[in-house]
C-alpha atoms as a PDB file:
ATOM      1  CA  MET A   1     -11.415  45.622  73.096  1.00  0.00           C
ATOM      2  CA  LEU A   2     -13.285  48.482  70.642  1.00  0.00           C
ATOM      3  CA  LYS A   3     -16.042  50.305  72.108  1.00  0.00           C
ATOM      4  CA  CYS A   4     -19.099  51.408  71.342  1.00  0.00           C
ATOM      5  CA  ALA A   5     -19.947  55.325  70.613  1.00  0.00           C
ATOM      6  CA  THR A   6     -23.103  54.357  68.984  1.00  0.00           C
ATOM      7  CA  SER A   7     -25.046  56.612  66.743  1.00  0.00           C
ATOM      8  CA  LEU A   8     -28.550  57.190  67.398  1.00  0.00           C
ATOM      9  CA  TRP A   9     -29.238  58.265  63.508  1.00  0.00           C
ATOM     10  CA  SER A  10     -29.987  54.650  63.336  1.00  0.00           C
ATOM     11  CA  ALA A  11     -32.236  54.326  65.861  1.00  0.00           C
ATOM     12  CA  ASP A  12     -35.295  54.136  65.445  1.00  0.00           C
ATOM     13  CA  LEU A  13     -36.002  57.878  65.392  1.00  0.00           C
ATOM     14  CA  ALA A  14     -39.709  57.378  66.124  1.00  0.00           C
ATOM     15  CA  ASN A  15     -38.922  55.522  69.548  1.00  0.00           C
ATOM     16  CA  LEU A  16     -35.501  56.766  70.501  1.00  0.00           C
ATOM     17  CA  ALA A  17     -35.509  56.605  74.229  1.00  0.00           C
ATOM     18  CA  ALA A  18     -36.855  53.175  73.843  1.00  0.00           C
ATOM     19  CA  ASP A  19     -33.814  52.562  71.592  1.00  0.00           C
ATOM     20  CA  ILE A  20     -31.271  54.075  73.903  1.00  0.00           C
ATOM     21  CA  ARG A  21     -32.709  52.231  76.513  1.00  0.00           C
ATOM     22  CA  ARG A  22     -32.446  48.695  74.856  1.00  0.00           C
ATOM     23  CA  VAL A  23     -28.654  49.244  73.736  1.00  0.00           C
ATOM     24  CA  ALA A  24     -27.219  51.348  76.530  1.00  0.00           C
ATOM     25  CA  PRO A  25     -26.147  48.171  77.908  1.00  0.00           C
ATOM     26  CA  TYR A  26     -23.654  47.563  75.446  1.00  0.00           C
ATOM     27  CA  SER A  27     -22.590  50.958  74.577  1.00  0.00           C
ATOM     28  CA  GLU A  28     -20.254  52.674  76.296  1.00  0.00           C
ATOM     29  CA  ARG A  29     -21.356  56.025  74.858  1.00  0.00           C
ATOM     30  CA  PHE A  30     -24.178  57.247  72.153  1.00  0.00           C
ATOM     31  CA  HIS A  31     -22.696  59.274  69.555  1.00  0.00           C
ATOM     32  CA  LEU A  32     -25.187  62.479  68.330  1.00  0.00           C
ATOM     33  CA  ASP A  33     -24.658  64.098  65.024  1.00  0.00           C
ATOM     34  CA  VAL A  34     -25.944  67.228  64.697  1.00  0.00           C
ATOM     35  CA  ALA A  35     -26.614  68.633  61.195  1.00  0.00           C
ATOM     36  CA  ASP A  36     -27.532  72.064  60.466  1.00  0.00           C
ATOM     37  CA  GLY A  37     -28.438  71.636  56.456  1.00  0.00           C
ATOM     38  CA  HIS A  38     -25.853  73.906  55.721  1.00  0.00           C
ATOM     39  CA  TYR A  39     -22.426  72.321  56.706  1.00  0.00           C
ATOM     40  CA  ALA A  40     -24.132  68.926  55.468  1.00  0.00           C
ATOM     41  CA  PRO A  41     -26.907  68.310  53.383  1.00  0.00           C
ATOM     42  CA  THR A  42     -29.365  67.022  55.923  1.00  0.00           C
ATOM     43  CA  MET A  43     -30.596  68.082  59.524  1.00  0.00           C
ATOM     44  CA  LEU A  44     -30.215  66.168  62.168  1.00  0.00           C
ATOM     45  CA  PHE A  45     -30.333  66.167  66.791  1.00  0.00           C
ATOM     46  CA  PHE A  46     -30.578  69.426  68.013  1.00  0.00           C
ATOM     47  CA  PRO A  47     -30.263  71.067  71.493  1.00  0.00           C
ATOM     48  CA  ASP A  48     -33.959  70.624  73.242  1.00  0.00           C
ATOM     49  CA  LEU A  49     -34.399  66.985  71.974  1.00  0.00           C
ATOM     50  CA  VAL A  50     -30.985  66.045  73.251  1.00  0.00           C
ATOM     51  CA  ALA A  51     -32.147  67.724  76.937  1.00  0.00           C
ATOM     52  CA  ALA A  52     -35.397  65.274  76.263  1.00  0.00           C
ATOM     53  CA  LEU A  53     -33.559  62.343  75.533  1.00  0.00           C
ATOM     54  CA  ARG A  54     -30.381  62.455  78.659  1.00  0.00           C
ATOM     55  CA  PRO A  55     -32.909  61.267  81.672  1.00  0.00           C
ATOM     56  CA  HIS A  56     -33.379  57.737  79.405  1.00  0.00           C
ATOM     57  CA  THR A  57     -29.295  57.144  80.379  1.00  0.00           C
ATOM     58  CA  ASP A  58     -26.578  57.550  82.055  1.00  0.00           C
ATOM     59  CA  ARG A  59     -24.011  57.223  79.077  1.00  0.00           C
ATOM     60  CA  PRO A  60     -22.335  60.141  77.926  1.00  0.00           C
ATOM     61  CA  PHE A  61     -23.735  62.097  74.788  1.00  0.00           C
ATOM     62  CA  GLU A  62     -21.145  63.261  72.501  1.00  0.00           C
ATOM     63  CA  MET A  63     -22.097  66.081  70.083  1.00  0.00           C
ATOM     64  CA  HIS A  64     -20.777  65.335  66.498  1.00  0.00           C
ATOM     65  CA  LEU A  65     -21.210  69.222  65.151  1.00  0.00           C
ATOM     66  CA  MET A  66     -21.763  68.758  61.381  1.00  0.00           C
ATOM     67  CA  THR A  67     -22.258  72.302  61.389  1.00  0.00           C
ATOM     68  CA  SER A  68     -20.974  75.923  59.483  1.00  0.00           C
ATOM     69  CA  ASP A  69     -20.776  77.393  63.314  1.00  0.00           C
ATOM     70  CA  PRO A  70     -19.545  75.105  65.576  1.00  0.00           C
ATOM     71  CA  ALA A  71     -18.910  77.557  68.052  1.00  0.00           C
ATOM     72  CA  ALA A  72     -22.393  79.124  68.750  1.00  0.00           C
ATOM     73  CA  TRP A  73     -23.537  75.553  69.527  1.00  0.00           C
ATOM     74  CA  ILE A  74     -21.311  74.833  72.727  1.00  0.00           C
ATOM     75  CA  ASP A  75     -23.066  76.017  75.098  1.00  0.00           C
ATOM     76  CA  PRO A  76     -26.543  74.920  73.894  1.00  0.00           C
ATOM     77  CA  PHE A  77     -25.758  71.402  73.544  1.00  0.00           C
ATOM     78  CA  ALA A  78     -23.638  71.965  77.183  1.00  0.00           C
ATOM     79  CA  ALA A  79     -27.103  73.102  78.768  1.00  0.00           C
ATOM     80  CA  ALA A  80     -28.791  70.619  76.794  1.00  0.00           C
ATOM     81  CA  GLY A  81     -26.414  67.360  78.787  1.00  0.00           C
ATOM     82  CA  ALA A  82     -23.968  66.764  76.216  1.00  0.00           C
ATOM     83  CA  ASP A  83     -20.244  65.444  77.647  1.00  0.00           C
ATOM     84  CA  ALA A  84     -18.111  66.204  74.633  1.00  0.00           C
ATOM     85  CA  ILE A  85     -18.432  67.856  71.547  1.00  0.00           C
ATOM     86  CA  ILE A  86     -16.421  67.001  68.587  1.00  0.00           C
ATOM     87  CA  ILE A  87     -16.133  69.901  65.559  1.00  0.00           C
ATOM     88  CA  CYS A  88     -15.477  68.937  62.030  1.00  0.00           C
ATOM     89  CA  PHE A  89     -12.197  70.582  61.599  1.00  0.00           C
ATOM     90  CA  ASP A  90     -12.814  72.685  58.215  1.00  0.00           C
ATOM     91  CA  SER A  91     -15.977  74.012  59.611  1.00  0.00           C
ATOM     92  CA  ALA A  92     -13.957  76.552  62.484  1.00  0.00           C
ATOM     93  CA  THR A  93     -11.790  79.404  61.210  1.00  0.00           C
ATOM     94  CA  ASP A  94      -9.950  78.918  64.434  1.00  0.00           C
ATOM     95  CA  PRO A  95     -10.051  75.521  65.515  1.00  0.00           C
ATOM     96  CA  GLY A  96      -7.799  75.740  68.663  1.00  0.00           C
ATOM     97  CA  ALA A  97     -10.327  78.765  69.840  1.00  0.00           C
ATOM     98  CA  VAL A  98     -13.567  76.357  69.261  1.00  0.00           C
ATOM     99  CA  LEU A  99     -11.695  73.470  71.101  1.00  0.00           C
ATOM    100  CA  GLU A 100     -10.779  75.260  74.275  1.00  0.00           C
ATOM    101  CA  ALA A 101     -13.952  77.021  74.497  1.00  0.00           C
ATOM    102  CA  ILE A 102     -15.170  73.648  74.614  1.00  0.00           C
ATOM    103  CA  LYS A 103     -12.997  72.752  77.686  1.00  0.00           C
ATOM    104  CA  GLY A 104     -13.996  75.864  78.977  1.00  0.00           C
ATOM    105  CA  ARG A 105     -17.096  74.554  79.778  1.00  0.00           C
ATOM    106  CA  GLY A 106     -16.146  71.347  81.286  1.00  0.00           C
ATOM    107  CA  LEU A 107     -17.080  69.190  78.151  1.00  0.00           C
ATOM    108  CA  GLN A 108     -14.613  66.900  76.481  1.00  0.00           C
ATOM    109  CA  ALA A 109     -13.061  68.341  73.447  1.00  0.00           C
ATOM    110  CA  GLY A 110     -12.948  66.485  69.836  1.00  0.00           C
ATOM    111  CA  VAL A 111     -11.864  67.200  66.038  1.00  0.00           C
ATOM    112  CA  SER A 112     -13.529  64.866  63.127  1.00  0.00           C
ATOM    113  CA  LEU A 113     -11.382  64.966  60.060  1.00  0.00           C
ATOM    114  CA  LEU A 114     -12.645  64.221  56.383  1.00  0.00           C
ATOM    115  CA  LEU A 115     -11.257  61.596  53.932  1.00  0.00           C
ATOM    116  CA  GLU A 116      -9.215  63.754  52.035  1.00  0.00           C
ATOM    117  CA  GLU A 117      -7.860  65.631  55.543  1.00  0.00           C
ATOM    118  CA  ASP A 118      -4.639  65.289  56.341  1.00  0.00           C
ATOM    119  CA  LEU A 119      -3.396  64.525  60.132  1.00  0.00           C
ATOM    120  CA  ASP A 120      -0.965  67.427  59.785  1.00  0.00           C
ATOM    121  CA  LEU A 121      -3.788  70.018  59.802  1.00  0.00           C
ATOM    122  CA  LEU A 122      -3.895  68.836  64.083  1.00  0.00           C
ATOM    123  CA  ASN A 123       0.056  69.407  64.340  1.00  0.00           C
ATOM    124  CA  PRO A 124      -0.770  72.690  66.126  1.00  0.00           C
ATOM    125  CA  TYR A 125      -3.943  71.186  68.249  1.00  0.00           C
ATOM    126  CA  TRP A 126      -2.833  67.561  69.356  1.00  0.00           C
ATOM    127  CA  THR A 127      -3.173  68.257  73.207  1.00  0.00           C
ATOM    128  CA  LEU A 128      -6.653  70.161  73.380  1.00  0.00           C
ATOM    129  CA  LEU A 129      -7.518  66.950  71.788  1.00  0.00           C
ATOM    130  CA  ASP A 130      -9.565  64.532  74.160  1.00  0.00           C
ATOM    131  CA  VAL A 131     -11.238  62.856  71.090  1.00  0.00           C
ATOM    132  CA  LEU A 132     -10.092  62.280  67.442  1.00  0.00           C
ATOM    133  CA  THR A 133     -12.879  61.005  65.309  1.00  0.00           C
ATOM    134  CA  LEU A 134     -11.666  59.334  61.636  1.00  0.00           C
ATOM    135  CA  MET A 135     -14.342  59.682  58.802  1.00  0.00           C
ATOM    136  CA  ASN A 136     -14.303  56.366  56.751  1.00  0.00           C
ATOM    137  CA  THR A 137     -16.607  57.721  54.371  1.00  0.00           C
ATOM    138  CA  ALA A 138     -17.854  60.826  52.913  1.00  0.00           C
ATOM    139  CA  ALA A 139     -19.625  63.407  55.762  1.00  0.00           C
ATOM    140  CA  GLY A 140     -23.279  62.960  56.032  1.00  0.00           C
ATOM    141  CA  ILE A 141     -23.347  60.014  53.700  1.00  0.00           C
ATOM    142  CA  LYS A 142     -25.443  57.466  55.189  1.00  0.00           C
ATOM    143  CA  GLY A 143     -24.646  53.528  54.869  1.00  0.00           C
ATOM    144  CA  ALA A 144     -21.632  54.041  52.551  1.00  0.00           C
ATOM    145  CA  ASP A 145     -19.099  51.427  52.430  1.00  0.00           C
ATOM    146  CA  MET A 146     -15.707  52.484  54.498  1.00  0.00           C
ATOM    147  CA  ASP A 147     -12.570  53.902  51.723  1.00  0.00           C
ATOM    148  CA  PRO A 148     -10.012  51.443  51.451  1.00  0.00           C
ATOM    149  CA  GLN A 149      -7.250  54.386  52.918  1.00  0.00           C
ATOM    150  CA  ALA A 150      -9.250  54.552  56.285  1.00  0.00           C
ATOM    151  CA  PRO A 151      -7.495  51.671  57.998  1.00  0.00           C
ATOM    152  CA  ASP A 152      -3.802  53.120  57.493  1.00  0.00           C
ATOM    153  CA  ARG A 153      -5.086  56.659  58.384  1.00  0.00           C
ATOM    154  CA  ILE A 154      -6.556  54.988  61.841  1.00  0.00           C
ATOM    155  CA  ARG A 155      -2.604  53.702  62.094  1.00  0.00           C
ATOM    156  CA  ARG A 156      -0.747  56.738  61.804  1.00  0.00           C
ATOM    157  CA  ALA A 157      -2.791  58.819  64.087  1.00  0.00           C
ATOM    158  CA  ARG A 158      -2.639  55.852  66.522  1.00  0.00           C
ATOM    159  CA  ASP A 159       1.158  56.076  66.291  1.00  0.00           C
ATOM    160  CA  GLU A 160       0.867  59.802  66.335  1.00  0.00           C
ATOM    161  CA  ILE A 161      -0.901  60.167  69.371  1.00  0.00           C
ATOM    162  CA  ASP A 162       1.663  57.397  71.595  1.00  0.00           C
ATOM    163  CA  ARG A 163       4.453  58.989  70.107  1.00  0.00           C
ATOM    164  CA  ARG A 164       3.399  62.309  71.429  1.00  0.00           C
ATOM    165  CA  GLY A 165       2.288  60.363  74.465  1.00  0.00           C
ATOM    166  CA  LEU A 166      -1.436  61.976  74.499  1.00  0.00           C
ATOM    167  CA  ALA A 167      -4.746  60.204  75.982  1.00  0.00           C
ATOM    168  CA  THR A 168      -6.322  61.199  73.146  1.00  0.00           C
ATOM    169  CA  VAL A 169      -8.642  58.191  71.686  1.00  0.00           C
ATOM    170  CA  VAL A 170      -9.221  58.008  67.895  1.00  0.00           C
ATOM    171  CA  GLU A 171     -12.714  56.933  66.785  1.00  0.00           C
ATOM    172  CA  ALA A 172     -13.307  55.797  63.568  1.00  0.00           C
ATOM    173  CA  ASP A 173     -16.917  56.599  61.971  1.00  0.00           C
ATOM    174  CA  GLY A 174     -18.595  55.551  59.099  1.00  0.00           C
ATOM    175  CA  GLY A 175     -18.617  52.217  57.398  1.00  0.00           C
ATOM    176  CA  ILE A 176     -18.658  50.063  60.525  1.00  0.00           C
ATOM    177  CA  ARG A 177     -19.618  46.448  59.040  1.00  0.00           C
ATOM    178  CA  ARG A 178     -18.967  43.082  60.065  1.00  0.00           C
ATOM    179  CA  HIS A 179     -15.982  43.273  56.963  1.00  0.00           C
ATOM    180  CA  THR A 180     -14.499  46.732  57.927  1.00  0.00           C
ATOM    181  CA  VAL A 181     -14.847  46.432  62.069  1.00  0.00           C
ATOM    182  CA  PRO A 182     -11.499  43.886  62.183  1.00  0.00           C
ATOM    183  CA  GLN A 183      -9.618  46.211  60.089  1.00  0.00           C
ATOM    184  CA  ILE A 184     -10.219  48.979  61.991  1.00  0.00           C
ATOM    185  CA  ALA A 185      -9.588  47.302  65.504  1.00  0.00           C
ATOM    186  CA  ARG A 186      -5.982  45.750  64.160  1.00  0.00           C
ATOM    187  CA  ALA A 187      -5.177  49.305  63.135  1.00  0.00           C
ATOM    188  CA  GLY A 188      -5.297  50.474  66.635  1.00  0.00           C
ATOM    189  CA  ALA A 189      -8.919  52.970  66.940  1.00  0.00           C
ATOM    190  CA  ASP A 190     -10.249  52.725  70.338  1.00  0.00           C
ATOM    191  CA  TYR A 191     -13.984  53.477  69.710  1.00  0.00           C
ATOM    192  CA  ILE A 192     -16.335  52.272  66.849  1.00  0.00           C
ATOM    193  CA  VAL A 193     -19.112  54.467  65.926  1.00  0.00           C
ATOM    194  CA  PRO A 194     -21.844  51.316  65.170  1.00  0.00           C
ATOM    195  CA  GLY A 195     -25.509  52.570  63.830  1.00  0.00           C
ATOM    196  CA  SER A 196     -26.996  49.441  61.943  1.00  0.00           C
ATOM    197  CA  LEU A 197     -24.403  47.343  63.168  1.00  0.00           C
ATOM    198  CA  MET A 198     -25.783  48.164  66.688  1.00  0.00           C
ATOM    199  CA  PHE A 199     -29.480  48.791  66.042  1.00  0.00           C
ATOM    200  CA  GLY A 200     -29.885  46.258  63.129  1.00  0.00           C
ATOM    201  CA  GLU A 201     -28.770  43.375  65.297  1.00  0.00           C
ATOM    202  CA  ASP A 202     -28.878  41.869  68.519  1.00  0.00           C
ATOM    203  CA  PRO A 203     -26.632  44.326  70.536  1.00  0.00           C
ATOM    204  CA  ALA A 204     -25.577  41.727  73.282  1.00  0.00           C
ATOM    205  CA  ALA A 205     -24.861  39.075  69.947  1.00  0.00           C
ATOM    206  CA  MET A 206     -22.788  41.699  68.516  1.00  0.00           C
ATOM    207  CA  ARG A 207     -20.522  43.125  71.512  1.00  0.00           C
ATOM    208  CA  ALA A 208     -19.911  39.203  71.765  1.00  0.00           C
ATOM    209  CA  TRP A 209     -18.313  39.008  68.343  1.00  0.00           C
ATOM    210  CA  LEU A 210     -16.766  41.975  69.290  1.00  0.00           C
ATOM    211  CA  ALA A 211     -14.989  40.870  71.909  1.00  0.00           C
ATOM    212  CA  GLY A 212     -13.691  38.142  70.435  1.00  0.00           C
ATOM    213  CA  LEU A 213     -11.991  40.226  67.689  1.00  0.00           C
ATOM    214  CA  GLU A 214      -9.124  40.315  70.324  1.00  0.00           C
END
């Protein structure tokens, strides 16, 4: 069954703690987008805020670093209570070194790939990946629909991970809607990153619907 790494970008930003507690029973983990206003044209979650939110749930926090210098953020977010750090592949001059640094802090390490980035870019790094986040829409664009090529890319990633005998989980991020989730499930993703699908609906009913896709 698809699991949920629920995106706090779509929560009520004025009542984050309450919204976290409301949907935590229906989420396996929380996905926190970190944007510095440089790599992505917006500004989002920062370490002090993450530390303030950490006591409100025991669900893991995965940080999606949409930043121009991901290595600089590893220690601050580790100290704030992150459980996993996912970097944008093209944001690091040496992705392997950044992934090793994340794992050196005892955290899960992941990479996100933009729509236009080929899976072959990961050939030197597969064994370092706990999480592969595949963007289904343009990075940093909230509310866009899933690109038609996304399910096939998820399928190819799933096949490659299985061929290599790895435990890397595949996460689909962007364009998570009622009409796209069945395609994502059939393609073999392990996680979706729901935003409005979780916070804009009754989360219990949504998870019941998700379970019915099996």
